[in-house]
Every structure is written in C-alpha cells, then in structure tokens.
PDB file of N, CA and C in Angstrom:
ATOM      1  N   UNK A   1     -45.298 -29.373  30.951  1.00  0.00           N
ATOM      2  CA  UNK A   1     -46.739 -29.524  30.974  1.00  0.00           C
ATOM      3  C   UNK A   1     -47.411 -28.183  31.237  1.00  0.00           C
ATOM      4  N   UNK A   2     -46.909 -27.442  32.192  1.00  0.00           N
ATOM      5  CA  UNK A   2     -47.479 -26.137  32.525  1.00  0.00           C
ATOM      6  C   UNK A   2     -47.186 -25.124  31.425  1.00  0.00           C
ATOM      7  N   UNK A   3     -45.943 -25.135  30.939  1.00  0.00           N
ATOM      8  CA  UNK A   3     -45.535 -24.145  29.949  1.00  0.00           C
ATOM      9  C   UNK A   3     -46.358 -24.221  28.671  1.00  0.00           C
ATOM     10  N   UNK A   4     -46.651 -25.432  28.190  1.00  0.00           N
ATOM     11  CA  UNK A   4     -47.425 -25.535  26.952  1.00  0.00           C
ATOM     12  C   UNK A   4     -48.908 -25.855  27.207  1.00  0.00           C
ATOM     13  N   UNK A   5     -49.315 -25.712  28.461  1.00  0.00           N
ATOM     14  CA  UNK A   5     -50.719 -25.792  28.876  1.00  0.00           C
ATOM     15  C   UNK A   5     -51.386 -27.123  28.520  1.00  0.00           C
ATOM     16  N   UNK A   6     -50.744 -28.226  28.921  1.00  0.00           N
ATOM     17  CA  UNK A   6     -51.321 -29.554  28.729  1.00  0.00           C
ATOM     18  C   UNK A   6     -52.126 -29.949  29.954  1.00  0.00           C
ATOM     19  N   UNK A   7     -53.249 -30.611  29.727  1.00  0.00           N
ATOM     20  CA  UNK A   7     -54.048 -31.145  30.825  1.00  0.00           C
ATOM     21  C   UNK A   7     -53.630 -32.566  31.188  1.00  0.00           C
ATOM     22  N   UNK A   8     -53.177 -33.308  30.164  1.00  0.00           N
ATOM     23  CA  UNK A   8     -52.775 -34.698  30.341  1.00  0.00           C
ATOM     24  C   UNK A   8     -51.445 -34.893  29.619  1.00  0.00           C
ATOM     25  N   UNK A   9     -50.522 -35.578  30.294  1.00  0.00           N
ATOM     26  CA  UNK A   9     -49.222 -35.842  29.691  1.00  0.00           C
ATOM     27  C   UNK A   9     -48.886 -37.316  29.873  1.00  0.00           C
ATOM     28  N   UNK A  10     -48.645 -38.012  28.769  1.00  0.00           N
ATOM     29  CA  UNK A  10     -48.233 -39.406  28.814  1.00  0.00           C
ATOM     30  C   UNK A  10     -46.719 -39.486  28.767  1.00  0.00           C
ATOM     31  N   UNK A  11     -46.160 -40.339  29.599  1.00  0.00           N
ATOM     32  CA  UNK A  11     -44.708 -40.503  29.675  1.00  0.00           C
ATOM     33  C   UNK A  11     -44.355 -41.971  29.470  1.00  0.00           C
ATOM     34  N   UNK A  12     -43.260 -42.212  28.779  1.00  0.00           N
ATOM     35  CA  UNK A  12     -42.800 -43.581  28.561  1.00  0.00           C
ATOM     36  C   UNK A  12     -41.330 -43.693  28.927  1.00  0.00           C
ATOM     37  N   UNK A  13     -40.922 -44.904  29.210  1.00  0.00           N
ATOM     38  CA  UNK A  13     -39.552 -45.214  29.607  1.00  0.00           C
ATOM     39  C   UNK A  13     -39.156 -44.488  30.889  1.00  0.00           C
ATOM     40  N   UNK A  14     -40.062 -44.502  31.874  1.00  0.00           N
ATOM     41  CA  UNK A  14     -39.780 -43.839  33.143  1.00  0.00           C
ATOM     42  C   UNK A  14     -38.976 -44.718  34.099  1.00  0.00           C
ATOM     43  N   UNK A  15     -38.975 -46.006  33.844  1.00  0.00           N
ATOM     44  CA  UNK A  15     -38.127 -46.969  34.559  1.00  0.00           C
ATOM     45  C   UNK A  15     -38.437 -47.117  36.054  1.00  0.00           C
ATOM     46  N   UNK A  16     -39.692 -46.859  36.443  1.00  0.00           N
ATOM     47  CA  UNK A  16     -40.091 -47.102  37.823  1.00  0.00           C
ATOM     48  C   UNK A  16     -40.574 -48.539  37.940  1.00  0.00           C
ATOM     49  N   UNK A  17     -40.471 -49.101  39.133  1.00  0.00           N
ATOM     50  CA  UNK A  17     -40.961 -50.450  39.348  1.00  0.00           C
ATOM     51  C   UNK A  17     -42.346 -50.419  39.972  1.00  0.00           C
ATOM     52  N   UNK A  18     -43.045 -51.539  39.814  1.00  0.00           N
ATOM     53  CA  UNK A  18     -44.393 -51.740  40.365  1.00  0.00           C
ATOM     54  C   UNK A  18     -45.402 -50.748  39.757  1.00  0.00           C
ATOM     55  N   UNK A  19     -46.510 -50.503  40.448  1.00  0.00           N
ATOM     56  CA  UNK A  19     -47.547 -49.590  39.964  1.00  0.00           C
ATOM     57  C   UNK A  19     -48.074 -48.793  41.149  1.00  0.00           C
ATOM     58  N   UNK A  20     -48.575 -47.597  40.866  1.00  0.00           N
ATOM     59  CA  UNK A  20     -49.114 -46.775  41.941  1.00  0.00           C
ATOM     60  C   UNK A  20     -49.534 -45.412  41.440  1.00  0.00           C
ATOM     61  N   UNK A  21     -49.850 -44.564  42.397  1.00  0.00           N
ATOM     62  CA  UNK A  21     -50.228 -43.187  42.072  1.00  0.00           C
ATOM     63  C   UNK A  21     -49.693 -42.273  43.158  1.00  0.00           C
ATOM     64  N   UNK A  22     -49.541 -41.002  42.799  1.00  0.00           N
ATOM     65  CA  UNK A  22     -49.081 -40.025  43.782  1.00  0.00           C
ATOM     66  C   UNK A  22     -49.491 -38.638  43.347  1.00  0.00           C
ATOM     67  N   UNK A  23     -49.468 -37.719  44.286  1.00  0.00           N
ATOM     68  CA  UNK A  23     -49.738 -36.309  44.019  1.00  0.00           C
ATOM     69  C   UNK A  23     -48.410 -35.573  43.934  1.00  0.00           C
ATOM     70  N   UNK A  24     -48.284 -34.718  42.908  1.00  0.00           N
ATOM     71  CA  UNK A  24     -47.086 -33.904  42.716  1.00  0.00           C
ATOM     72  C   UNK A  24     -47.525 -32.476  42.437  1.00  0.00           C
ATOM     73  N   UNK A  25     -47.306 -31.575  43.363  1.00  0.00           N
ATOM     74  CA  UNK A  25     -47.697 -30.168  43.188  1.00  0.00           C
ATOM     75  C   UNK A  25     -49.151 -30.028  42.752  1.00  0.00           C
ATOM     76  N   UNK A  26     -50.037 -30.826  43.337  1.00  0.00           N
ATOM     77  CA  UNK A  26     -51.455 -30.772  43.007  1.00  0.00           C
ATOM     78  C   UNK A  26     -51.850 -31.625  41.813  1.00  0.00           C
ATOM     79  N   UNK A  27     -50.875 -32.053  41.024  1.00  0.00           N
ATOM     80  CA  UNK A  27     -51.157 -32.916  39.878  1.00  0.00           C
ATOM     81  C   UNK A  27     -51.208 -34.363  40.350  1.00  0.00           C
ATOM     82  N   UNK A  28     -51.848 -35.223  39.565  1.00  0.00           N
ATOM     83  CA  UNK A  28     -51.936 -36.634  39.898  1.00  0.00           C
ATOM     84  C   UNK A  28     -51.158 -37.442  38.874  1.00  0.00           C
ATOM     85  N   UNK A  29     -50.286 -38.320  39.366  1.00  0.00           N
ATOM     86  CA  UNK A  29     -49.478 -39.176  38.520  1.00  0.00           C
ATOM     87  C   UNK A  29     -49.862 -40.624  38.780  1.00  0.00           C
ATOM     88  N   UNK A  30     -50.185 -41.362  37.709  1.00  0.00           N
ATOM     89  CA  UNK A  30     -50.391 -42.799  37.832  1.00  0.00           C
ATOM     90  C   UNK A  30     -49.288 -43.477  37.025  1.00  0.00           C
ATOM     91  N   UNK A  31     -48.799 -44.604  37.513  1.00  0.00           N
ATOM     92  CA  UNK A  31     -47.690 -45.252  36.827  1.00  0.00           C
ATOM     93  C   UNK A  31     -47.798 -46.768  36.879  1.00  0.00           C
ATOM     94  N   UNK A  32     -47.176 -47.383  35.885  1.00  0.00           N
ATOM     95  CA  UNK A  32     -47.143 -48.835  35.779  1.00  0.00           C
ATOM     96  C   UNK A  32     -45.759 -49.245  35.303  1.00  0.00           C
ATOM     97  N   UNK A  33     -45.086 -50.067  36.103  1.00  0.00           N
ATOM     98  CA  UNK A  33     -43.750 -50.542  35.760  1.00  0.00           C
ATOM     99  C   UNK A  33     -43.645 -52.026  36.037  1.00  0.00           C
ATOM    100  N   UNK A  34     -42.515 -52.592  35.741  1.00  0.00           N
ATOM    101  CA  UNK A  34     -42.297 -54.015  35.970  1.00  0.00           C
ATOM    102  C   UNK A  34     -41.515 -54.251  37.245  1.00  0.00           C
ATOM    103  N   UNK A  35     -40.777 -55.344  37.248  1.00  0.00           N
ATOM    104  CA  UNK A  35     -39.966 -55.695  38.418  1.00  0.00           C
ATOM    105  C   UNK A  35     -38.545 -55.172  38.311  1.00  0.00           C
ATOM    106  N   UNK A  36     -38.175 -54.735  37.117  1.00  0.00           N
ATOM    107  CA  UNK A  36     -36.844 -54.174  36.904  1.00  0.00           C
ATOM    108  C   UNK A  36     -36.988 -52.724  36.454  1.00  0.00           C
ATOM    109  N   UNK A  37     -35.933 -51.985  36.538  1.00  0.00           N
ATOM    110  CA  UNK A  37     -35.967 -50.572  36.146  1.00  0.00           C
ATOM    111  C   UNK A  37     -35.805 -50.430  34.635  1.00  0.00           C
ATOM    112  N   UNK A  38     -36.759 -51.005  33.904  1.00  0.00           N
ATOM    113  CA  UNK A  38     -36.805 -50.907  32.450  1.00  0.00           C
ATOM    114  C   UNK A  38     -38.226 -50.529  32.057  1.00  0.00           C
ATOM    115  N   UNK A  39     -38.355 -49.926  30.921  1.00  0.00           N
ATOM    116  CA  UNK A  39     -39.649 -49.506  30.373  1.00  0.00           C
ATOM    117  C   UNK A  39     -40.392 -48.642  31.384  1.00  0.00           C
ATOM    118  N   UNK A  40     -41.669 -48.922  31.609  1.00  0.00           N
ATOM    119  CA  UNK A  40     -42.474 -48.147  32.540  1.00  0.00           C
ATOM    120  C   UNK A  40     -43.197 -47.001  31.851  1.00  0.00           C
ATOM    121  N   UNK A  41     -44.457 -46.807  32.235  1.00  0.00           N
ATOM    122  CA  UNK A  41     -45.288 -45.748  31.666  1.00  0.00           C
ATOM    123  C   UNK A  41     -46.006 -44.985  32.771  1.00  0.00           C
ATOM    124  N   UNK A  42     -46.242 -43.706  32.531  1.00  0.00           N
ATOM    125  CA  UNK A  42     -46.961 -42.832  33.467  1.00  0.00           C
ATOM    126  C   UNK A  42     -47.978 -42.012  32.697  1.00  0.00           C
ATOM    127  N   UNK A  43     -48.995 -41.552  33.415  1.00  0.00           N
ATOM    128  CA  UNK A  43     -49.887 -40.517  32.902  1.00  0.00           C
ATOM    129  C   UNK A  43     -49.984 -39.462  34.004  1.00  0.00           C
ATOM    130  N   UNK A  44     -49.736 -38.220  33.641  1.00  0.00           N
ATOM    131  CA  UNK A  44     -49.783 -37.100  34.573  1.00  0.00           C
ATOM    132  C   UNK A  44     -50.993 -36.235  34.237  1.00  0.00           C
ATOM    133  N   UNK A  45     -51.841 -35.969  35.226  1.00  0.00           N
ATOM    134  CA  UNK A  45     -53.058 -35.179  35.049  1.00  0.00           C
ATOM    135  C   UNK A  45     -52.930 -33.867  35.820  1.00  0.00           C
ATOM    136  N   UNK A  46     -53.363 -32.768  35.205  1.00  0.00           N
ATOM    137  CA  UNK A  46     -53.363 -31.499  35.932  1.00  0.00           C
ATOM    138  C   UNK A  46     -54.446 -31.543  37.015  1.00  0.00           C
ATOM    139  N   UNK A  47     -54.499 -30.525  37.845  1.00  0.00           N
ATOM    140  CA  UNK A  47     -55.408 -30.501  38.992  1.00  0.00           C
ATOM    141  C   UNK A  47     -56.870 -30.657  38.560  1.00  0.00           C
ATOM    142  N   UNK A  48     -57.289 -29.933  37.543  1.00  0.00           N
ATOM    143  CA  UNK A  48     -58.679 -29.969  37.094  1.00  0.00           C
ATOM    144  C   UNK A  48     -59.038 -31.320  36.497  1.00  0.00           C
ATOM    145  N   UNK A  49     -58.200 -31.828  35.615  1.00  0.00           N
ATOM    146  CA  UNK A  49     -58.481 -33.098  34.950  1.00  0.00           C
ATOM    147  C   UNK A  49     -58.446 -34.256  35.943  1.00  0.00           C
ATOM    148  N   UNK A  50     -57.584 -34.193  36.927  1.00  0.00           N
ATOM    149  CA  UNK A  50     -57.478 -35.258  37.931  1.00  0.00           C
ATOM    150  C   UNK A  50     -58.789 -35.453  38.691  1.00  0.00           C
ATOM    151  N   UNK A  51     -59.595 -34.418  38.792  1.00  0.00           N
ATOM    152  CA  UNK A  51     -60.885 -34.537  39.473  1.00  0.00           C
ATOM    153  C   UNK A  51     -61.840 -35.456  38.708  1.00  0.00           C
ATOM    154  N   UNK A  52     -61.601 -35.650  37.415  1.00  0.00           N
ATOM    155  CA  UNK A  52     -62.439 -36.510  36.586  1.00  0.00           C
ATOM    156  C   UNK A  52     -61.917 -37.940  36.491  1.00  0.00           C
ATOM    157  N   UNK A  53     -60.771 -38.221  37.104  1.00  0.00           N
ATOM    158  CA  UNK A  53     -60.197 -39.562  37.042  1.00  0.00           C
ATOM    159  C   UNK A  53     -61.094 -40.531  37.798  1.00  0.00           C
ATOM    160  N   UNK A  54     -61.747 -41.416  37.035  1.00  0.00           N
ATOM    161  CA  UNK A  54     -62.660 -42.371  37.645  1.00  0.00           C
ATOM    162  C   UNK A  54     -61.936 -43.604  38.156  1.00  0.00           C
ATOM    163  N   UNK A  55     -61.158 -44.215  37.289  1.00  0.00           N
ATOM    164  CA  UNK A  55     -60.403 -45.410  37.660  1.00  0.00           C
ATOM    165  C   UNK A  55     -59.201 -45.538  36.736  1.00  0.00           C
ATOM    166  N   UNK A  56     -58.294 -46.416  37.112  1.00  0.00           N
ATOM    167  CA  UNK A  56     -57.142 -46.675  36.267  1.00  0.00           C
ATOM    168  C   UNK A  56     -56.649 -48.082  36.523  1.00  0.00           C
ATOM    169  N   UNK A  57     -55.918 -48.624  35.533  1.00  0.00           N
ATOM    170  CA  UNK A  57     -55.476 -50.004  35.634  1.00  0.00           C
ATOM    171  C   UNK A  57     -54.076 -50.154  35.043  1.00  0.00           C
ATOM    172  N   UNK A  58     -53.115 -50.616  35.850  1.00  0.00           N
ATOM    173  CA  UNK A  58     -51.791 -50.913  35.306  1.00  0.00           C
ATOM    174  C   UNK A  58     -51.854 -52.275  34.606  1.00  0.00           C
ATOM    175  N   UNK A  59     -51.617 -52.302  33.320  1.00  0.00           N
ATOM    176  CA  UNK A  59     -51.692 -53.548  32.564  1.00  0.00           C
ATOM    177  C   UNK A  59     -50.346 -54.275  32.579  1.00  0.00           C
ATOM    178  N   UNK A  60     -49.273 -53.537  32.336  1.00  0.00           N
ATOM    179  CA  UNK A  60     -47.938 -54.123  32.299  1.00  0.00           C
ATOM    180  C   UNK A  60     -46.918 -53.000  32.441  1.00  0.00           C
ATOM    181  N   UNK A  61     -45.632 -53.345  32.266  1.00  0.00           N
ATOM    182  CA  UNK A  61     -44.613 -52.307  32.314  1.00  0.00           C
ATOM    183  C   UNK A  61     -44.624 -51.444  31.056  1.00  0.00           C
ATOM    184  N   UNK A  62     -45.505 -51.767  30.115  1.00  0.00           N
ATOM    185  CA  UNK A  62     -45.597 -50.996  28.886  1.00  0.00           C
ATOM    186  C   UNK A  62     -46.961 -50.409  28.607  1.00  0.00           C
ATOM    187  N   UNK A  63     -47.954 -50.662  29.489  1.00  0.00           N
ATOM    188  CA  UNK A  63     -49.313 -50.158  29.246  1.00  0.00           C
ATOM    189  C   UNK A  63     -49.986 -49.780  30.565  1.00  0.00           C
ATOM    190  N   UNK A  64     -50.575 -48.587  30.583  1.00  0.00           N
ATOM    191  CA  UNK A  64     -51.444 -48.170  31.689  1.00  0.00           C
ATOM    192  C   UNK A  64     -52.691 -47.528  31.070  1.00  0.00           C
ATOM    193  N   UNK A  65     -53.854 -47.803  31.667  1.00  0.00           N
ATOM    194  CA  UNK A  65     -55.126 -47.312  31.147  1.00  0.00           C
ATOM    195  C   UNK A  65     -55.820 -46.503  32.231  1.00  0.00           C
ATOM    196  N   UNK A  66     -56.388 -45.368  31.844  1.00  0.00           N
ATOM    197  CA  UNK A  66     -57.133 -44.521  32.783  1.00  0.00           C
ATOM    198  C   UNK A  66     -58.516 -44.219  32.211  1.00  0.00           C
ATOM    199  N   UNK A  67     -59.505 -44.114  33.092  1.00  0.00           N
ATOM    200  CA  UNK A  67     -60.865 -43.760  32.685  1.00  0.00           C
ATOM    201  C   UNK A  67     -61.202 -42.408  33.295  1.00  0.00           C
ATOM    202  N   UNK A  68     -61.580 -41.454  32.446  1.00  0.00           N
ATOM    203  CA  UNK A  68     -62.041 -40.149  32.907  1.00  0.00           C
ATOM    204  C   UNK A  68     -63.549 -40.104  32.811  1.00  0.00           C
ATOM    205  N   UNK A  69     -64.201 -39.693  33.879  1.00  0.00           N
ATOM    206  CA  UNK A  69     -65.654 -39.560  33.892  1.00  0.00           C
ATOM    207  C   UNK A  69     -65.994 -38.210  33.277  1.00  0.00           C
ATOM    208  N   UNK A  70     -66.696 -38.238  32.151  1.00  0.00           N
ATOM    209  CA  UNK A  70     -66.995 -37.017  31.404  1.00  0.00           C
ATOM    210  C   UNK A  70     -68.410 -37.081  30.853  1.00  0.00           C
ATOM    211  N   UNK A  71     -68.864 -35.973  30.301  1.00  0.00           N
ATOM    212  CA  UNK A  71     -70.188 -35.917  29.672  1.00  0.00           C
ATOM    213  C   UNK A  71     -70.025 -35.385  28.266  1.00  0.00           C
ATOM    214  N   UNK A  72     -70.657 -35.923  27.291  1.00  0.00           N
ATOM    215  CA  UNK A  72     -71.698 -36.954  27.341  1.00  0.00           C
ATOM    216  C   UNK A  72     -71.169 -38.378  27.439  1.00  0.00           C
ATOM    217  N   UNK A  73     -69.875 -38.582  27.230  1.00  0.00           N
ATOM    218  CA  UNK A  73     -69.290 -39.923  27.289  1.00  0.00           C
ATOM    219  C   UNK A  73     -68.038 -39.927  28.154  1.00  0.00           C
ATOM    220  N   UNK A  74     -67.787 -41.076  28.771  1.00  0.00           N
ATOM    221  CA  UNK A  74     -66.527 -41.231  29.491  1.00  0.00           C
ATOM    222  C   UNK A  74     -65.390 -41.330  28.480  1.00  0.00           C
ATOM    223  N   UNK A  75     -64.183 -41.056  28.933  1.00  0.00           N
ATOM    224  CA  UNK A  75     -63.027 -41.029  28.055  1.00  0.00           C
ATOM    225  C   UNK A  75     -61.971 -41.995  28.567  1.00  0.00           C
ATOM    226  N   UNK A  76     -61.430 -42.799  27.676  1.00  0.00           N
ATOM    227  CA  UNK A  76     -60.360 -43.721  28.039  1.00  0.00           C
ATOM    228  C   UNK A  76     -59.030 -43.196  27.530  1.00  0.00           C
ATOM    229  N   UNK A  77     -58.014 -43.234  28.371  1.00  0.00           N
ATOM    230  CA  UNK A  77     -56.664 -42.818  28.006  1.00  0.00           C
ATOM    231  C   UNK A  77     -55.766 -44.045  28.129  1.00  0.00           C
ATOM    232  N   UNK A  78     -55.010 -44.341  27.080  1.00  0.00           N
ATOM    233  CA  UNK A  78     -54.090 -45.471  27.097  1.00  0.00           C
ATOM    234  C   UNK A  78     -52.689 -44.945  26.815  1.00  0.00           C
ATOM    235  N   UNK A  79     -51.766 -45.193  27.724  1.00  0.00           N
ATOM    236  CA  UNK A  79     -50.359 -44.821  27.527  1.00  0.00           C
ATOM    237  C   UNK A  79     -49.578 -46.101  27.288  1.00  0.00           C
ATOM    238  N   UNK A  80     -48.833 -46.130  26.172  1.00  0.00           N
ATOM    239  CA  UNK A  80     -48.129 -47.339  25.759  1.00  0.00           C
ATOM    240  C   UNK A  80     -46.653 -47.039  25.545  1.00  0.00           C
ATOM    241  N   UNK A  81     -45.829 -47.971  25.980  1.00  0.00           N
ATOM    242  CA  UNK A  81     -44.407 -47.942  25.651  1.00  0.00           C
ATOM    243  C   UNK A  81     -44.214 -48.911  24.501  1.00  0.00           C
ATOM    244  N   UNK A  82     -43.793 -48.416  23.354  1.00  0.00           N
ATOM    245  CA  UNK A  82     -43.555 -49.263  22.188  1.00  0.00           C
ATOM    246  C   UNK A  82     -42.056 -49.394  21.958  1.00  0.00           C
ATOM    247  N   UNK A  83     -41.623 -50.547  21.497  1.00  0.00           N
ATOM    248  CA  UNK A  83     -40.198 -50.708  21.202  1.00  0.00           C
ATOM    249  C   UNK A  83     -39.759 -49.769  20.088  1.00  0.00           C
ATOM    250  N   UNK A  84     -38.521 -49.347  20.149  1.00  0.00           N
ATOM    251  CA  UNK A  84     -37.976 -48.447  19.132  1.00  0.00           C
ATOM    252  C   UNK A  84     -37.329 -49.248  18.013  1.00  0.00           C
ATOM    253  N   UNK A  85     -36.865 -48.558  16.995  1.00  0.00           N
ATOM    254  CA  UNK A  85     -36.219 -49.235  15.869  1.00  0.00           C
ATOM    255  C   UNK A  85     -34.908 -49.903  16.286  1.00  0.00           C
ATOM    256  N   UNK A  86     -34.350 -49.519  17.423  1.00  0.00           N
ATOM    257  CA  UNK A  86     -33.127 -50.141  17.931  1.00  0.00           C
ATOM    258  C   UNK A  86     -33.393 -51.442  18.678  1.00  0.00           C
ATOM    259  N   UNK A  87     -34.662 -51.749  18.929  1.00  0.00           N
ATOM    260  CA  UNK A  87     -35.023 -52.937  19.708  1.00  0.00           C
ATOM    261  C   UNK A  87     -34.800 -54.211  18.898  1.00  0.00           C
ATOM    262  N   UNK A  88     -34.662 -55.301  19.623  1.00  0.00           N
ATOM    263  CA  UNK A  88     -34.516 -56.613  18.991  1.00  0.00           C
ATOM    264  C   UNK A  88     -35.809 -56.978  18.263  1.00  0.00           C
ATOM    265  N   UNK A  89     -35.692 -57.743  17.174  1.00  0.00           N
ATOM    266  CA  UNK A  89     -36.862 -58.155  16.394  1.00  0.00           C
ATOM    267  C   UNK A  89     -37.877 -58.907  17.244  1.00  0.00           C
ATOM    268  N   UNK A  90     -37.397 -59.738  18.158  1.00  0.00           N
ATOM    269  CA  UNK A  90     -38.284 -60.518  19.023  1.00  0.00           C
ATOM    270  C   UNK A  90     -39.169 -59.589  19.855  1.00  0.00           C
ATOM    271  N   UNK A  91     -38.583 -58.524  20.383  1.00  0.00           N
ATOM    272  CA  UNK A  91     -39.338 -57.574  21.204  1.00  0.00           C
ATOM    273  C   UNK A  91     -40.390 -56.847  20.368  1.00  0.00           C
ATOM    274  N   UNK A  92     -40.035 -56.446  19.152  1.00  0.00           N
ATOM    275  CA  UNK A  92     -40.978 -55.763  18.258  1.00  0.00           C
ATOM    276  C   UNK A  92     -42.120 -56.702  17.884  1.00  0.00           C
ATOM    277  N   UNK A  93     -41.786 -57.943  17.546  1.00  0.00           N
ATOM    278  CA  UNK A  93     -42.812 -58.917  17.174  1.00  0.00           C
ATOM    279  C   UNK A  93     -43.742 -59.219  18.347  1.00  0.00           C
ATOM    280  N   UNK A  94     -43.194 -59.285  19.530  1.00  0.00           N
ATOM    281  CA  UNK A  94     -44.025 -59.512  20.724  1.00  0.00           C
ATOM    282  C   UNK A  94     -44.996 -58.355  20.904  1.00  0.00           C
ATOM    283  N   UNK A  95     -44.503 -57.124  20.751  1.00  0.00           N
ATOM    284  CA  UNK A  95     -45.353 -55.938  20.890  1.00  0.00           C
ATOM    285  C   UNK A  95     -46.459 -55.931  19.837  1.00  0.00           C
ATOM    286  N   UNK A  96     -46.112 -56.323  18.616  1.00  0.00           N
ATOM    287  CA  UNK A  96     -47.068 -56.311  17.511  1.00  0.00           C
ATOM    288  C   UNK A  96     -48.026 -57.495  17.556  1.00  0.00           C
ATOM    289  N   UNK A  97     -47.781 -58.421  18.491  1.00  0.00           N
ATOM    290  CA  UNK A  97     -48.656 -59.576  18.615  1.00  0.00           C
ATOM    291  C   UNK A  97     -48.347 -60.661  17.596  1.00  0.00           C
ATOM    292  N   UNK A  98     -47.171 -60.603  17.022  1.00  0.00           N
ATOM    293  CA  UNK A  98     -46.779 -61.597  16.026  1.00  0.00           C
ATOM    294  C   UNK A  98     -45.880 -62.638  16.676  1.00  0.00           C
ATOM    295  N   UNK A  99     -45.993 -63.831  16.222  1.00  0.00           N
ATOM    296  CA  UNK A  99     -45.107 -64.887  16.671  1.00  0.00           C
ATOM    297  C   UNK A  99     -44.480 -65.510  15.440  1.00  0.00           C
ATOM    298  N   UNK A 100     -43.220 -65.826  15.541  1.00  0.00           N
ATOM    299  CA  UNK A 100     -42.560 -66.499  14.428  1.00  0.00           C
ATOM    300  C   UNK A 100     -43.135 -67.901  14.282  1.00  0.00           C
ATOM    301  N   UNK A 101     -43.436 -68.247  13.040  1.00  0.00           N
ATOM    302  CA  UNK A 101     -43.931 -69.584  12.768  1.00  0.00           C
ATOM    303  C   UNK A 101     -42.746 -70.492  12.490  1.00  0.00           C
ATOM    304  N   UNK A 102     -42.789 -71.666  13.082  1.00  0.00           N
ATOM    305  CA  UNK A 102     -41.717 -72.614  12.855  1.00  0.00           C
ATOM    306  C   UNK A 102     -41.961 -73.327  11.536  1.00  0.00           C
ATOM    307  N   UNK A 103     -40.887 -73.571  10.823  1.00  0.00           N
ATOM    308  CA  UNK A 103     -40.976 -74.297   9.559  1.00  0.00           C
ATOM    309  C   UNK A 103     -41.249 -75.762   9.844  1.00  0.00           C
ATOM    310  N   UNK A 104     -42.111 -76.332   9.016  1.00  0.00           N
ATOM    311  CA  UNK A 104     -42.388 -77.765   9.132  1.00  0.00           C
ATOM    312  C   UNK A 104     -41.179 -78.540   8.630  1.00  0.00           C
ATOM    313  N   UNK A 105     -40.857 -79.613   9.295  1.00  0.00           N
ATOM    314  CA  UNK A 105     -39.691 -80.430   8.891  1.00  0.00           C
ATOM    315  C   UNK A 105     -40.172 -81.592   8.076  1.00  0.00           C
TER     316      UNK A 105
END
C-alpha cells in the first residue's frame, strides 16, 4: 500500500471472524467476517483518508461497506468477496442472486 502510494486498499479472503476495526501503524482497518475462518473482507485506509471515514457496515463475510465524508459528494466504498471459477456452482449462483428453478412434475 505504501510502496505504490494507495490511499485505500480492499482485501478479500482474509479469513477473520466477526467484524470490527483497528488501527495499524496509523492506518485504519475495517473488517467483516463470518463465524468460521473462511472468506472475509477488509478495507484498509491510510492516515489521511481514514479521517474522512464517516461510517461503515459489515454486511456479511463477503461484503463490507464504508462511507467517506467528502465534498461535493460523499463516497461509498464496497469491498466484495466473489467466488472464483473453482467454486461450486451453488456458491456462484448464490452470489449472482440466481436460484435453480425446479422442474414441474
């Protein structure tokens, strides 16, 4: 993050449980995980950008949302963990919001 001069870094598959925030070397980390050490998402903000963090909401072990207070408009950041091509079809369909339709008998 420092080397390539990023202000915000989204991370996926961090495998932390629950949700929370912490300070790391002046940076602010917010995270959202489940009950098991699977999936999990984080957003890491540098010192300057963290001062604009208005609120944040852990949605699930695959989604966290942050609101930055800015001018002229506030900014929303969404970090998502999406299933990979190696994932089961059921998991991909769940992520895409699709449900298998049962055939009528």
